[in-house]
């Protein structure tokens, strides 16, 4: 089934990826004039987006999963038997959209 799926859609996915590879918020930000890249309101908005998606939302998902998974007795494995706590927590995964907008200390303590 996977082989058939790849046969049918792989080329389409690769073309889509190549087309949108440089069409993202960070690339657009870097194309702005230098003065605009230093705009404190823009930087604050981008940092807010980064933190909201990569920490706040992830922690909400983590806490919901924890409540659900740990609501039953026994072995608390997630889908596929993964170490779900390590997989989900931002401090381990360190998904960061705009690392250049954060200080070294903030990056070091990401998600804590």
PDB file of N, CA and C in Angstrom:
ATOM      1  N   UNK A   1       0.829  -1.188   0.000  1.00  0.00           N
ATOM      2  CA  UNK A   1       0.000   0.000   0.000  1.00  0.00           C
ATOM      3  C   UNK A   1       0.877   1.256   0.000  1.00  0.00           C
ATOM      4  N   UNK A   2       1.911   1.261   0.837  1.00  0.00           N
ATOM      5  CA  UNK A   2       2.819   2.403   0.897  1.00  0.00           C
ATOM      6  C   UNK A   2       3.528   2.598  -0.447  1.00  0.00           C
ATOM      7  N   UNK A   3       3.945   1.510  -1.051  1.00  0.00           N
ATOM      8  CA  UNK A   3       4.631   1.586  -2.343  1.00  0.00           C
ATOM      9  C   UNK A   3       3.721   2.219  -3.398  1.00  0.00           C
ATOM     10  N   UNK A   4       2.455   1.828  -3.405  1.00  0.00           N
ATOM     11  CA  UNK A   4       1.500   2.393  -4.358  1.00  0.00           C
ATOM     12  C   UNK A   4       1.260   3.880  -4.085  1.00  0.00           C
ATOM     13  N   UNK A   5       1.160   4.224  -2.814  1.00  0.00           N
ATOM     14  CA  UNK A   5       0.973   5.625  -2.433  1.00  0.00           C
ATOM     15  C   UNK A   5       2.160   6.465  -2.920  1.00  0.00           C
ATOM     16  N   UNK A   6       3.362   5.965  -2.663  1.00  0.00           N
ATOM     17  CA  UNK A   6       4.562   6.683  -3.101  1.00  0.00           C
ATOM     18  C   UNK A   6       4.622   6.779  -4.624  1.00  0.00           C
ATOM     19  N   UNK A   7       4.293   5.700  -5.282  1.00  0.00           N
ATOM     20  CA  UNK A   7       4.309   5.709  -6.740  1.00  0.00           C
ATOM     21  C   UNK A   7       3.375   6.784  -7.285  1.00  0.00           C
ATOM     22  N   UNK A   8       2.216   6.904  -6.676  1.00  0.00           N
ATOM     23  CA  UNK A   8       1.212   7.837  -7.171  1.00  0.00           C
ATOM     24  C   UNK A   8       1.516   9.289  -6.803  1.00  0.00           C
ATOM     25  N   UNK A   9       2.037   9.541  -5.579  1.00  0.00           N
ATOM     26  CA  UNK A   9       2.119  10.910  -5.075  1.00  0.00           C
ATOM     27  C   UNK A   9       3.526  11.464  -4.854  1.00  0.00           C
ATOM     28  N   UNK A  10       4.541  10.626  -4.915  1.00  0.00           N
ATOM     29  CA  UNK A  10       5.893  11.080  -4.571  1.00  0.00           C
ATOM     30  C   UNK A  10       6.330  12.276  -5.417  1.00  0.00           C
ATOM     31  N   UNK A  11       6.181  12.181  -6.704  1.00  0.00           N
ATOM     32  CA  UNK A  11       6.594  13.274  -7.591  1.00  0.00           C
ATOM     33  C   UNK A  11       5.851  14.563  -7.260  1.00  0.00           C
ATOM     34  N   UNK A  12       4.554  14.460  -7.017  1.00  0.00           N
ATOM     35  CA  UNK A  12       3.750  15.641  -6.678  1.00  0.00           C
ATOM     36  C   UNK A  12       4.244  16.272  -5.372  1.00  0.00           C
ATOM     37  N   UNK A  13       4.524  15.460  -4.360  1.00  0.00           N
ATOM     38  CA  UNK A  13       5.028  15.973  -3.085  1.00  0.00           C
ATOM     39  C   UNK A  13       6.389  16.631  -3.252  1.00  0.00           C
ATOM     40  N   UNK A  14       7.260  16.013  -4.016  1.00  0.00           N
ATOM     41  CA  UNK A  14       8.600  16.583  -4.220  1.00  0.00           C
ATOM     42  C   UNK A  14       8.533  17.906  -4.972  1.00  0.00           C
ATOM     43  N   UNK A  15       7.689  17.999  -5.964  1.00  0.00           N
ATOM     44  CA  UNK A  15       7.520  19.258  -6.701  1.00  0.00           C
ATOM     45  C   UNK A  15       6.961  20.348  -5.790  1.00  0.00           C
ATOM     46  N   UNK A  16       5.984  19.976  -4.987  1.00  0.00           N
ATOM     47  CA  UNK A  16       5.398  20.934  -4.044  1.00  0.00           C
ATOM     48  C   UNK A  16       6.466  21.429  -3.077  1.00  0.00           C
ATOM     49  N   UNK A  17       7.255  20.515  -2.543  1.00  0.00           N
ATOM     50  CA  UNK A  17       8.302  20.869  -1.593  1.00  0.00           C
ATOM     51  C   UNK A  17       9.323  21.808  -2.232  1.00  0.00           C
ATOM     52  N   UNK A  18       9.744  21.477  -3.447  1.00  0.00           N
ATOM     53  CA  UNK A  18      10.723  22.324  -4.126  1.00  0.00           C
ATOM     54  C   UNK A  18      10.156  23.715  -4.396  1.00  0.00           C
ATOM     55  N   UNK A  19       8.895  23.785  -4.763  1.00  0.00           N
ATOM     56  CA  UNK A  19       8.259  25.057  -5.050  1.00  0.00           C
ATOM     57  C   UNK A  19       8.138  25.928  -3.802  1.00  0.00           C
ATOM     58  N   UNK A  20       7.831  25.321  -2.665  1.00  0.00           N
ATOM     59  CA  UNK A  20       7.597  26.080  -1.442  1.00  0.00           C
ATOM     60  C   UNK A  20       8.794  26.095  -0.490  1.00  0.00           C
ATOM     61  N   UNK A  21       9.895  25.505  -0.893  1.00  0.00           N
ATOM     62  CA  UNK A  21      11.073  25.420  -0.027  1.00  0.00           C
ATOM     63  C   UNK A  21      11.560  26.791   0.427  1.00  0.00           C
ATOM     64  N   UNK A  22      11.440  27.782  -0.428  1.00  0.00           N
ATOM     65  CA  UNK A  22      11.920  29.116  -0.048  1.00  0.00           C
ATOM     66  C   UNK A  22      10.778  30.114   0.115  1.00  0.00           C
ATOM     67  N   UNK A  23       9.572  29.597   0.279  1.00  0.00           N
ATOM     68  CA  UNK A  23       8.404  30.455   0.509  1.00  0.00           C
ATOM     69  C   UNK A  23       7.921  30.226   1.938  1.00  0.00           C
ATOM     70  N   UNK A  24       8.626  30.833   2.866  1.00  0.00           N
ATOM     71  CA  UNK A  24       8.231  30.691   4.262  1.00  0.00           C
ATOM     72  C   UNK A  24       8.458  32.013   4.977  1.00  0.00           C
ATOM     73  N   UNK A  25       7.963  32.103   6.168  1.00  0.00           N
ATOM     74  CA  UNK A  25       8.002  33.355   6.920  1.00  0.00           C
ATOM     75  C   UNK A  25       9.419  33.842   7.166  1.00  0.00           C
ATOM     76  N   UNK A  26      10.346  32.934   7.478  1.00  0.00           N
ATOM     77  CA  UNK A  26      11.718  33.352   7.751  1.00  0.00           C
ATOM     78  C   UNK A  26      12.378  33.906   6.484  1.00  0.00           C
ATOM     79  N   UNK A  27      12.180  33.239   5.359  1.00  0.00           N
ATOM     80  CA  UNK A  27      12.749  33.722   4.102  1.00  0.00           C
ATOM     81  C   UNK A  27      12.193  35.105   3.759  1.00  0.00           C
ATOM     82  N   UNK A  28      10.903  35.291   3.963  1.00  0.00           N
ATOM     83  CA  UNK A  28      10.295  36.593   3.687  1.00  0.00           C
ATOM     84  C   UNK A  28      10.843  37.659   4.630  1.00  0.00           C
ATOM     85  N   UNK A  29      11.016  37.315   5.885  1.00  0.00           N
ATOM     86  CA  UNK A  29      11.588  38.240   6.862  1.00  0.00           C
ATOM     87  C   UNK A  29      12.985  38.674   6.422  1.00  0.00           C
ATOM     88  N   UNK A  30      13.807  37.721   5.995  1.00  0.00           N
ATOM     89  CA  UNK A  30      15.182  38.017   5.592  1.00  0.00           C
ATOM     90  C   UNK A  30      15.239  38.833   4.293  1.00  0.00           C
ATOM     91  N   UNK A  31      14.163  38.855   3.529  1.00  0.00           N
ATOM     92  CA  UNK A  31      14.119  39.661   2.306  1.00  0.00           C
ATOM     93  C   UNK A  31      13.730  41.111   2.582  1.00  0.00           C
ATOM     94  N   UNK A  32      13.259  41.382   3.796  1.00  0.00           N
ATOM     95  CA  UNK A  32      12.876  42.749   4.147  1.00  0.00           C
ATOM     96  C   UNK A  32      14.112  43.645   4.227  1.00  0.00           C
ATOM     97  N   UNK A  33      13.926  44.951   4.051  1.00  0.00           N
ATOM     98  CA  UNK A  33      15.043  45.861   4.289  1.00  0.00           C
ATOM     99  C   UNK A  33      15.547  45.710   5.729  1.00  0.00           C
ATOM    100  N   UNK A  34      16.822  45.965   5.932  1.00  0.00           N
ATOM    101  CA  UNK A  34      17.445  45.757   7.243  1.00  0.00           C
ATOM    102  C   UNK A  34      16.720  46.510   8.359  1.00  0.00           C
ATOM    103  N   UNK A  35      16.273  47.723   8.065  1.00  0.00           N
ATOM    104  CA  UNK A  35      15.539  48.502   9.077  1.00  0.00           C
ATOM    105  C   UNK A  35      14.281  47.782   9.536  1.00  0.00           C
ATOM    106  N   UNK A  36      13.560  47.212   8.586  1.00  0.00           N
ATOM    107  CA  UNK A  36      12.332  46.477   8.919  1.00  0.00           C
ATOM    108  C   UNK A  36      12.640  45.211   9.711  1.00  0.00           C
ATOM    109  N   UNK A  37      13.766  44.573   9.415  1.00  0.00           N
ATOM    110  CA  UNK A  37      14.157  43.371  10.163  1.00  0.00           C
ATOM    111  C   UNK A  37      14.471  43.697  11.626  1.00  0.00           C
ATOM    112  N   UNK A  38      14.728  44.953  11.905  1.00  0.00           N
ATOM    113  CA  UNK A  38      15.039  45.366  13.278  1.00  0.00           C
ATOM    114  C   UNK A  38      13.818  45.954  13.989  1.00  0.00           C
ATOM    115  N   UNK A  39      12.671  45.923  13.339  1.00  0.00           N
ATOM    116  CA  UNK A  39      11.447  46.473  13.919  1.00  0.00           C
ATOM    117  C   UNK A  39      11.057  45.660  15.150  1.00  0.00           C
ATOM    118  N   UNK A  40      11.058  46.299  16.331  1.00  0.00           N
ATOM    119  CA  UNK A  40      10.769  45.550  17.569  1.00  0.00           C
ATOM    120  C   UNK A  40       9.382  44.902  17.594  1.00  0.00           C
ATOM    121  N   UNK A  41       8.393  45.559  16.984  1.00  0.00           N
ATOM    122  CA  UNK A  41       7.045  44.977  16.966  1.00  0.00           C
ATOM    123  C   UNK A  41       7.004  43.732  16.088  1.00  0.00           C
ATOM    124  N   UNK A  42       7.686  43.771  14.964  1.00  0.00           N
ATOM    125  CA  UNK A  42       7.739  42.607  14.079  1.00  0.00           C
ATOM    126  C   UNK A  42       8.489  41.459  14.753  1.00  0.00           C
ATOM    127  N   UNK A  43       9.608  41.776  15.360  1.00  0.00           N
ATOM    128  CA  UNK A  43      10.385  40.752  16.068  1.00  0.00           C
ATOM    129  C   UNK A  43       9.554  40.137  17.188  1.00  0.00           C
ATOM    130  N   UNK A  44       8.856  40.982  17.944  1.00  0.00           N
ATOM    131  CA  UNK A  44       8.012  40.480  19.040  1.00  0.00           C
ATOM    132  C   UNK A  44       6.908  39.571  18.503  1.00  0.00           C
ATOM    133  N   UNK A  45       6.314  39.944  17.373  1.00  0.00           N
ATOM    134  CA  UNK A  45       5.241  39.127  16.778  1.00  0.00           C
ATOM    135  C   UNK A  45       5.776  37.776  16.317  1.00  0.00           C
ATOM    136  N   UNK A  46       6.955  37.790  15.707  1.00  0.00           N
ATOM    137  CA  UNK A  46       7.533  36.527  15.231  1.00  0.00           C
ATOM    138  C   UNK A  46       7.941  35.640  16.401  1.00  0.00           C
ATOM    139  N   UNK A  47       8.498  36.237  17.449  1.00  0.00           N
ATOM    140  CA  UNK A  47       8.858  35.465  18.642  1.00  0.00           C
ATOM    141  C   UNK A  47       7.599  34.883  19.295  1.00  0.00           C
ATOM    142  N   UNK A  48       6.538  35.687  19.333  1.00  0.00           N
ATOM    143  CA  UNK A  48       5.273  35.210  19.903  1.00  0.00           C
ATOM    144  C   UNK A  48       4.746  34.009  19.118  1.00  0.00           C
ATOM    145  N   UNK A  49       4.779  34.109  17.803  1.00  0.00           N
ATOM    146  CA  UNK A  49       4.332  33.001  16.951  1.00  0.00           C
ATOM    147  C   UNK A  49       5.181  31.757  17.202  1.00  0.00           C
ATOM    148  N   UNK A  50       6.498  31.926  17.235  1.00  0.00           N
ATOM    149  CA  UNK A  50       7.428  30.815  17.468  1.00  0.00           C
ATOM    150  C   UNK A  50       7.121  30.137  18.803  1.00  0.00           C
ATOM    151  N   UNK A  51       6.992  30.930  19.842  1.00  0.00           N
ATOM    152  CA  UNK A  51       6.746  30.374  21.179  1.00  0.00           C
ATOM    153  C   UNK A  51       5.353  29.739  21.267  1.00  0.00           C
ATOM    154  N   UNK A  52       4.364  30.389  20.673  1.00  0.00           N
ATOM    155  CA  UNK A  52       2.990  29.873  20.745  1.00  0.00           C
ATOM    156  C   UNK A  52       2.881  28.513  20.060  1.00  0.00           C
ATOM    157  N   UNK A  53       3.447  28.390  18.869  1.00  0.00           N
ATOM    158  CA  UNK A  53       3.337  27.134  18.119  1.00  0.00           C
ATOM    159  C   UNK A  53       4.240  26.056  18.717  1.00  0.00           C
ATOM    160  N   UNK A  54       5.470  26.415  19.044  1.00  0.00           N
ATOM    161  CA  UNK A  54       6.477  25.418  19.405  1.00  0.00           C
ATOM    162  C   UNK A  54       6.607  25.137  20.900  1.00  0.00           C
ATOM    163  N   UNK A  55       5.978  25.949  21.728  1.00  0.00           N
ATOM    164  CA  UNK A  55       6.002  25.668  23.171  1.00  0.00           C
ATOM    165  C   UNK A  55       4.579  25.600  23.720  1.00  0.00           C
ATOM    166  N   UNK A  56       3.819  26.699  23.617  1.00  0.00           N
ATOM    167  CA  UNK A  56       2.493  26.757  24.238  1.00  0.00           C
ATOM    168  C   UNK A  56       1.562  25.670  23.704  1.00  0.00           C
ATOM    169  N   UNK A  57       1.449  25.576  22.373  1.00  0.00           N
ATOM    170  CA  UNK A  57       0.562  24.568  21.793  1.00  0.00           C
ATOM    171  C   UNK A  57       1.070  23.166  22.104  1.00  0.00           C
ATOM    172  N   UNK A  58       2.364  22.960  21.972  1.00  0.00           N
ATOM    173  CA  UNK A  58       2.939  21.638  22.220  1.00  0.00           C
ATOM    174  C   UNK A  58       2.707  21.217  23.672  1.00  0.00           C
ATOM    175  N   UNK A  59       2.860  22.149  24.610  1.00  0.00           N
ATOM    176  CA  UNK A  59       2.633  21.808  26.015  1.00  0.00           C
ATOM    177  C   UNK A  59       1.157  21.504  26.280  1.00  0.00           C
ATOM    178  N   UNK A  60       0.259  22.215  25.601  1.00  0.00           N
ATOM    179  CA  UNK A  60      -1.166  21.898  25.723  1.00  0.00           C
ATOM    180  C   UNK A  60      -1.450  20.487  25.217  1.00  0.00           C
ATOM    181  N   UNK A  61      -0.843  20.139  24.093  1.00  0.00           N
ATOM    182  CA  UNK A  61      -0.989  18.793  23.535  1.00  0.00           C
ATOM    183  C   UNK A  61      -0.369  17.771  24.482  1.00  0.00           C
ATOM    184  N   UNK A  62       0.804  18.071  24.990  1.00  0.00           N
ATOM    185  CA  UNK A  62       1.483  17.172  25.921  1.00  0.00           C
ATOM    186  C   UNK A  62       0.621  16.926  27.157  1.00  0.00           C
ATOM    187  N   UNK A  63       0.086  17.982  27.751  1.00  0.00           N
ATOM    188  CA  UNK A  63      -0.714  17.840  28.975  1.00  0.00           C
ATOM    189  C   UNK A  63      -1.998  17.058  28.722  1.00  0.00           C
ATOM    190  N   UNK A  64      -2.615  17.263  27.550  1.00  0.00           N
ATOM    191  CA  UNK A  64      -3.812  16.487  27.207  1.00  0.00           C
ATOM    192  C   UNK A  64      -3.450  15.013  27.031  1.00  0.00           C
ATOM    193  N   UNK A  65      -2.344  14.750  26.326  1.00  0.00           N
ATOM    194  CA  UNK A  65      -1.905  13.368  26.120  1.00  0.00           C
ATOM    195  C   UNK A  65      -1.566  12.708  27.448  1.00  0.00           C
ATOM    196  N   UNK A  66      -0.879  13.440  28.302  1.00  0.00           N
ATOM    197  CA  UNK A  66      -0.493  12.904  29.617  1.00  0.00           C
ATOM    198  C   UNK A  66      -1.734  12.511  30.414  1.00  0.00           C
ATOM    199  N   UNK A  67      -2.713  13.405  30.428  1.00  0.00           N
ATOM    200  CA  UNK A  67      -3.949  13.122  31.166  1.00  0.00           C
ATOM    201  C   UNK A  67      -4.635  11.880  30.599  1.00  0.00           C
ATOM    202  N   UNK A  68      -4.707  11.784  29.277  1.00  0.00           N
ATOM    203  CA  UNK A  68      -5.365  10.653  28.636  1.00  0.00           C
ATOM    204  C   UNK A  68      -4.575   9.366  28.844  1.00  0.00           C
ATOM    205  N   UNK A  69      -3.283   9.401  28.566  1.00  0.00           N
ATOM    206  CA  UNK A  69      -2.452   8.192  28.635  1.00  0.00           C
ATOM    207  C   UNK A  69      -2.343   7.681  30.064  1.00  0.00           C
ATOM    208  N   UNK A  70      -2.184   8.593  31.004  1.00  0.00           N
ATOM    209  CA  UNK A  70      -1.994   8.168  32.394  1.00  0.00           C
ATOM    210  C   UNK A  70      -3.306   7.945  33.135  1.00  0.00           C
ATOM    211  N   UNK A  71      -4.449   8.083  32.423  1.00  0.00           N
ATOM    212  CA  UNK A  71      -5.743   7.866  33.079  1.00  0.00           C
ATOM    213  C   UNK A  71      -6.062   6.383  33.223  1.00  0.00           C
ATOM    214  N   UNK A  72      -5.279   5.551  32.582  1.00  0.00           N
ATOM    215  CA  UNK A  72      -5.489   4.109  32.685  1.00  0.00           C
ATOM    216  C   UNK A  72      -4.276   3.479  33.361  1.00  0.00           C
ATOM    217  N   UNK A  73      -4.510   2.458  34.155  1.00  0.00           N
ATOM    218  CA  UNK A  73      -3.379   1.811  34.820  1.00  0.00           C
ATOM    219  C   UNK A  73      -2.524   1.018  33.829  1.00  0.00           C
ATOM    220  N   UNK A  74      -1.304   0.768  34.210  1.00  0.00           N
ATOM    221  CA  UNK A  74      -0.433  -0.078  33.397  1.00  0.00           C
ATOM    222  C   UNK A  74       0.637   0.708  32.677  1.00  0.00           C
ATOM    223  N   UNK A  75       1.191   0.040  31.673  1.00  0.00           N
ATOM    224  CA  UNK A  75       2.267   0.616  30.881  1.00  0.00           C
ATOM    225  C   UNK A  75       1.741   1.815  30.094  1.00  0.00           C
ATOM    226  N   UNK A  76       2.418   2.934  30.192  1.00  0.00           N
ATOM    227  CA  UNK A  76       1.953   4.160  29.547  1.00  0.00           C
ATOM    228  C   UNK A  76       2.733   4.445  28.266  1.00  0.00           C
ATOM    229  N   UNK A  77       2.514   3.618  27.275  1.00  0.00           N
ATOM    230  CA  UNK A  77       3.154   3.814  25.976  1.00  0.00           C
ATOM    231  C   UNK A  77       2.241   4.634  25.077  1.00  0.00           C
ATOM    232  N   UNK A  78       2.861   5.393  24.234  1.00  0.00           N
ATOM    233  CA  UNK A  78       2.103   6.144  23.233  1.00  0.00           C
ATOM    234  C   UNK A  78       2.024   5.319  21.956  1.00  0.00           C
ATOM    235  N   UNK A  79       1.466   5.915  20.926  1.00  0.00           N
ATOM    236  CA  UNK A  79       1.347   5.249  19.636  1.00  0.00           C
ATOM    237  C   UNK A  79       2.716   4.755  19.183  1.00  0.00           C
ATOM    238  N   UNK A  80       2.789   3.532  18.812  1.00  0.00           N
ATOM    239  CA  UNK A  80       4.047   2.967  18.324  1.00  0.00           C
ATOM    240  C   UNK A  80       5.042   2.657  19.424  1.00  0.00           C
ATOM    241  N   UNK A  81       4.631   2.800  20.676  1.00  0.00           N
ATOM    242  CA  UNK A  81       5.524   2.487  21.786  1.00  0.00           C
ATOM    243  C   UNK A  81       6.622   3.521  22.012  1.00  0.00           C
ATOM    244  N   UNK A  82       6.433   4.726  21.514  1.00  0.00           N
ATOM    245  CA  UNK A  82       7.470   5.756  21.650  1.00  0.00           C
ATOM    246  C   UNK A  82       7.576   6.260  23.084  1.00  0.00           C
ATOM    247  N   UNK A  83       8.704   6.850  23.388  1.00  0.00           N
ATOM    248  CA  UNK A  83       8.895   7.541  24.666  1.00  0.00           C
ATOM    249  C   UNK A  83       8.221   8.905  24.514  1.00  0.00           C
ATOM    250  N   UNK A  84       6.908   8.917  24.652  1.00  0.00           N
ATOM    251  CA  UNK A  84       6.101  10.075  24.314  1.00  0.00           C
ATOM    252  C   UNK A  84       6.486  11.323  25.072  1.00  0.00           C
ATOM    253  N   UNK A  85       6.913  11.193  26.324  1.00  0.00           N
ATOM    254  CA  UNK A  85       7.287  12.395  27.078  1.00  0.00           C
ATOM    255  C   UNK A  85       8.509  13.054  26.456  1.00  0.00           C
ATOM    256  N   UNK A  86       9.479  12.263  26.082  1.00  0.00           N
ATOM    257  CA  UNK A  86      10.678  12.826  25.468  1.00  0.00           C
ATOM    258  C   UNK A  86      10.376  13.303  24.046  1.00  0.00           C
ATOM    259  N   UNK A  87       9.522  12.592  23.362  1.00  0.00           N
ATOM    260  CA  UNK A  87       9.197  12.964  21.994  1.00  0.00           C
ATOM    261  C   UNK A  87       8.461  14.299  21.942  1.00  0.00           C
ATOM    262  N   UNK A  88       7.559  14.522  22.876  1.00  0.00           N
ATOM    263  CA  UNK A  88       6.686  15.685  22.785  1.00  0.00           C
ATOM    264  C   UNK A  88       7.256  16.958  23.413  1.00  0.00           C
ATOM    265  N   UNK A  89       8.031  16.843  24.465  1.00  0.00           N
ATOM    266  CA  UNK A  89       8.447  18.040  25.191  1.00  0.00           C
ATOM    267  C   UNK A  89       9.354  18.950  24.361  1.00  0.00           C
ATOM    268  N   UNK A  90       9.029  20.248  24.317  1.00  0.00           N
ATOM    269  CA  UNK A  90       9.821  21.192  23.531  1.00  0.00           C
ATOM    270  C   UNK A  90      11.291  21.254  23.946  1.00  0.00           C
ATOM    271  N   UNK A  91      11.576  21.035  25.219  1.00  0.00           N
ATOM    272  CA  UNK A  91      12.975  21.127  25.650  1.00  0.00           C
ATOM    273  C   UNK A  91      13.827  20.007  25.066  1.00  0.00           C
ATOM    274  N   UNK A  92      13.200  18.910  24.650  1.00  0.00           N
ATOM    275  CA  UNK A  92      13.945  17.831  24.004  1.00  0.00           C
ATOM    276  C   UNK A  92      13.928  17.975  22.487  1.00  0.00           C
ATOM    277  N   UNK A  93      12.795  18.332  21.942  1.00  0.00           N
ATOM    278  CA  UNK A  93      12.662  18.412  20.483  1.00  0.00           C
ATOM    279  C   UNK A  93      13.270  19.690  19.911  1.00  0.00           C
ATOM    280  N   UNK A  94      13.178  20.763  20.653  1.00  0.00           N
ATOM    281  CA  UNK A  94      13.786  22.051  20.276  1.00  0.00           C
ATOM    282  C   UNK A  94      13.387  22.488  18.863  1.00  0.00           C
ATOM    283  N   UNK A  95      12.101  22.446  18.583  1.00  0.00           N
ATOM    284  CA  UNK A  95      11.610  22.995  17.320  1.00  0.00           C
ATOM    285  C   UNK A  95      11.553  24.505  17.484  1.00  0.00           C
ATOM    286  N   UNK A  96      12.299  25.197  16.657  1.00  0.00           N
ATOM    287  CA  UNK A  96      12.393  26.651  16.751  1.00  0.00           C
ATOM    288  C   UNK A  96      12.385  27.199  15.326  1.00  0.00           C
ATOM    289  N   UNK A  97      11.406  28.015  15.013  1.00  0.00           N
ATOM    290  CA  UNK A  97      11.294  28.552  13.661  1.00  0.00           C
ATOM    291  C   UNK A  97      12.341  29.630  13.371  1.00  0.00           C
ATOM    292  N   UNK A  98      12.581  30.488  14.363  1.00  0.00           N
ATOM    293  CA  UNK A  98      13.417  31.667  14.141  1.00  0.00           C
ATOM    294  C   UNK A  98      14.524  31.763  15.190  1.00  0.00           C
ATOM    295  N   UNK A  99      15.474  30.843  15.201  1.00  0.00           N
ATOM    296  CA  UNK A  99      16.493  30.831  16.256  1.00  0.00           C
ATOM    297  C   UNK A  99      17.316  32.116  16.337  1.00  0.00           C
ATOM    298  N   UNK A 100      17.438  32.835  15.225  1.00  0.00           N
ATOM    299  CA  UNK A 100      18.219  34.069  15.245  1.00  0.00           C
ATOM    300  C   UNK A 100      17.549  35.189  16.039  1.00  0.00           C
ATOM    301  N   UNK A 101      16.255  35.015  16.360  1.00  0.00           N
ATOM    302  CA  UNK A 101      15.535  36.051  17.108  1.00  0.00           C
ATOM    303  C   UNK A 101      15.556  35.800  18.611  1.00  0.00           C
ATOM    304  N   UNK A 102      16.258  34.766  19.048  1.00  0.00           N
ATOM    305  CA  UNK A 102      16.327  34.402  20.457  1.00  0.00           C
ATOM    306  C   UNK A 102      17.771  34.515  20.946  1.00  0.00           C
ATOM    307  N   UNK A 103      17.926  34.837  22.213  1.00  0.00           N
ATOM    308  CA  UNK A 103      19.271  34.900  22.795  1.00  0.00           C
ATOM    309  C   UNK A 103      19.791  33.485  23.030  1.00  0.00           C
ATOM    310  N   UNK A 104      21.085  33.368  23.241  1.00  0.00           N
ATOM    311  CA  UNK A 104      21.690  32.061  23.540  1.00  0.00           C
ATOM    312  C   UNK A 104      21.050  31.452  24.785  1.00  0.00           C
ATOM    313  N   UNK A 105      20.798  32.278  25.785  1.00  0.00           N
ATOM    314  CA  UNK A 105      20.178  31.793  27.039  1.00  0.00           C
ATOM    315  C   UNK A 105      18.766  31.282  26.775  1.00  0.00           C
ATOM    316  N   UNK A 106      17.997  32.017  25.976  1.00  0.00           N
ATOM    317  CA  UNK A 106      16.642  31.577  25.657  1.00  0.00           C
ATOM    318  C   UNK A 106      16.659  30.269  24.880  1.00  0.00           C
ATOM    319  N   UNK A 107      17.577  30.135  23.940  1.00  0.00           N
ATOM    320  CA  UNK A 107      17.691  28.904  23.176  1.00  0.00           C
ATOM    321  C   UNK A 107      18.099  27.745  24.075  1.00  0.00           C
ATOM    322  N   UNK A 108      19.003  28.009  24.981  1.00  0.00           N
ATOM    323  CA  UNK A 108      19.500  26.977  25.902  1.00  0.00           C
ATOM    324  C   UNK A 108      18.346  26.452  26.782  1.00  0.00           C
ATOM    325  N   UNK A 109      17.443  27.336  27.166  1.00  0.00           N
ATOM    326  CA  UNK A 109      16.343  26.979  28.067  1.00  0.00           C
ATOM    327  C   UNK A 109      15.013  26.819  27.340  1.00  0.00           C
ATOM    328  N   UNK A 110      15.055  26.542  26.057  1.00  0.00           N
ATOM    329  CA  UNK A 110      13.840  26.443  25.240  1.00  0.00           C
ATOM    330  C   UNK A 110      12.864  25.425  25.817  1.00  0.00           C
ATOM    331  N   UNK A 111      11.649  25.884  26.042  1.00  0.00           N
ATOM    332  CA  UNK A 111      10.594  24.991  26.501  1.00  0.00           C
ATOM    333  C   UNK A 111      10.570  24.706  27.991  1.00  0.00           C
ATOM    334  N   UNK A 112      11.431  25.350  28.751  1.00  0.00           N
ATOM    335  CA  UNK A 112      11.440  25.107  30.213  1.00  0.00           C
ATOM    336  C   UNK A 112      10.698  26.176  30.950  1.00  0.00           C
TER     337      UNK A 112
END
